[in-house]
């Protein structure tokens, strides 16, 4: 997790730093539904490369937003899920969804 002194003073900038790219938002969107395996996530996120997905998952794990669980099976099974902190982003995604629906409705009527 970033140390508090390393974070921007502006809370909006802090939020954008932690979850402010397209892929992180889409990963969180999926993980709000249930835990996902790496390949499931990659298939569901059209256009994301393995490297970009790996980098984003590692960053979000480091920031305390997601958990990575490795099951002692052969072959090993790894699942990604949201932490309590990660679930706290739900209201942000709900607002984005509402705004997007409203935009589509208004653009359609113009």
Protein backbone atom coordinates (compact mmCIF):
# COMPACT_ATOMS: atom_id res chain seq x y z
CA UNK A 1 0.00 0.00 0.00
CA UNK A 2 1.24 3.49 -0.72
CA UNK A 3 2.27 5.40 2.35
CA UNK A 4 0.06 8.36 3.25
CA UNK A 5 2.93 10.79 2.60
CA UNK A 6 3.27 9.41 -0.94
CA UNK A 7 -0.37 10.07 -1.81
CA UNK A 8 -1.54 13.31 -3.42
CA UNK A 9 -3.10 15.90 -1.13
CA UNK A 10 -6.25 16.00 -3.29
CA UNK A 11 -8.62 13.08 -2.50
CA UNK A 12 -9.92 13.01 -6.09
CA UNK A 13 -6.36 12.67 -7.36
CA UNK A 14 -5.76 9.88 -4.82
CA UNK A 15 -8.81 7.99 -6.09
CA UNK A 16 -7.74 8.41 -9.70
CA UNK A 17 -4.22 7.27 -8.84
CA UNK A 18 -5.53 4.05 -7.29
CA UNK A 19 -8.43 3.09 -9.58
CA UNK A 20 -8.46 5.70 -12.31
CA UNK A 21 -7.66 3.76 -15.43
CA UNK A 22 -10.08 1.97 -17.72
CA UNK A 23 -8.83 -1.51 -16.92
CA UNK A 24 -8.87 -1.16 -13.12
CA UNK A 25 -12.47 0.07 -13.23
CA UNK A 26 -13.48 -2.86 -15.47
CA UNK A 27 -11.65 -5.37 -13.24
CA UNK A 28 -13.42 -3.99 -10.17
CA UNK A 29 -16.75 -4.12 -12.04
CA UNK A 30 -16.25 -7.86 -12.61
CA UNK A 31 -14.96 -8.58 -9.12
CA UNK A 32 -18.00 -6.90 -7.56
CA UNK A 33 -19.97 -9.87 -8.92
CA UNK A 34 -17.77 -12.72 -7.67
CA UNK A 35 -14.15 -13.94 -7.51
CA UNK A 36 -12.58 -14.50 -10.93
CA UNK A 37 -9.66 -16.50 -12.25
CA UNK A 38 -7.02 -14.78 -14.39
CA UNK A 39 -8.06 -16.30 -17.72
CA UNK A 40 -11.74 -15.56 -17.05
CA UNK A 41 -10.90 -11.92 -16.42
CA UNK A 42 -8.75 -11.69 -19.53
CA UNK A 43 -11.48 -13.21 -21.73
CA UNK A 44 -14.11 -10.87 -20.29
CA UNK A 45 -12.00 -7.73 -20.84
CA UNK A 46 -11.85 -7.36 -24.61
CA UNK A 47 -8.55 -5.88 -25.77
CA UNK A 48 -6.54 -6.25 -22.55
CA UNK A 49 -3.16 -7.93 -22.88
CA UNK A 50 -1.83 -10.47 -20.41
CA UNK A 51 0.88 -8.02 -19.30
CA UNK A 52 -1.54 -5.13 -18.72
CA UNK A 53 -3.92 -7.37 -16.77
CA UNK A 54 -1.05 -8.75 -14.68
CA UNK A 55 0.33 -5.26 -13.97
CA UNK A 56 -3.09 -3.92 -12.95
CA UNK A 57 -3.87 -6.90 -10.72
CA UNK A 58 -0.48 -6.62 -9.01
CA UNK A 59 -0.92 -2.88 -8.46
CA UNK A 60 -4.42 -3.31 -7.03
CA UNK A 61 -3.23 -6.13 -4.77
CA UNK A 62 -0.35 -3.96 -3.56
CA UNK A 63 -2.80 -1.11 -2.89
CA UNK A 64 -5.07 -3.40 -0.84
CA UNK A 65 -7.98 -3.30 -3.30
CA UNK A 66 -7.95 -6.97 -4.30
CA UNK A 67 -6.90 -10.28 -2.77
CA UNK A 68 -5.09 -13.00 -4.69
CA UNK A 69 -5.82 -16.49 -3.38
CA UNK A 70 -3.69 -19.44 -4.50
CA UNK A 71 -5.24 -22.85 -3.95
CA UNK A 72 -2.92 -25.79 -3.31
CA UNK A 73 -4.14 -27.90 -6.21
CA UNK A 74 -2.54 -29.43 -9.27
CA UNK A 75 -2.57 -27.45 -11.44
CA UNK A 76 -2.56 -24.47 -9.07
CA UNK A 77 -5.73 -22.39 -9.07
CA UNK A 78 -5.58 -18.64 -8.44
CA UNK A 79 -8.61 -16.46 -7.81
CA UNK A 80 -8.89 -12.71 -7.49
CA UNK A 81 -11.50 -11.07 -5.27
CA UNK A 82 -12.16 -7.66 -3.79
CA UNK A 83 -11.07 -6.76 -0.30
CA UNK A 84 -13.36 -4.76 1.96
CA UNK A 85 -11.58 -1.65 0.66
CA UNK A 86 -12.21 -2.84 -2.90
CA UNK A 87 -15.92 -3.32 -2.19
CA UNK A 88 -16.05 0.26 -0.92
CA UNK A 89 -15.58 1.39 -4.56
CA UNK A 90 -19.07 0.08 -5.42
CA UNK A 91 -20.67 3.50 -4.97
CA UNK A 92 -18.16 4.97 -7.44
CA UNK A 93 -19.04 2.35 -10.05
CA UNK A 94 -22.76 2.77 -9.33
CA UNK A 95 -22.37 6.51 -10.05
CA UNK A 96 -20.47 5.79 -13.26
CA UNK A 97 -23.18 3.36 -14.35
CA UNK A 98 -25.94 5.86 -13.61
CA UNK A 99 -24.14 8.63 -15.47
CA UNK A 100 -23.50 6.37 -18.47
CA UNK A 101 -27.13 5.27 -18.65
CA UNK A 102 -28.30 8.89 -18.40
CA UNK A 103 -25.86 9.94 -21.12
CA UNK A 104 -27.06 7.20 -23.47
CA UNK A 105 -30.68 8.14 -22.80
CA UNK A 106 -30.06 11.84 -23.49
CA UNK A 107 -27.89 11.32 -26.57
CA UNK A 108 -30.54 9.01 -28.01
CA UNK A 109 -33.22 11.69 -27.61
CA UNK A 110 -31.16 14.36 -29.39
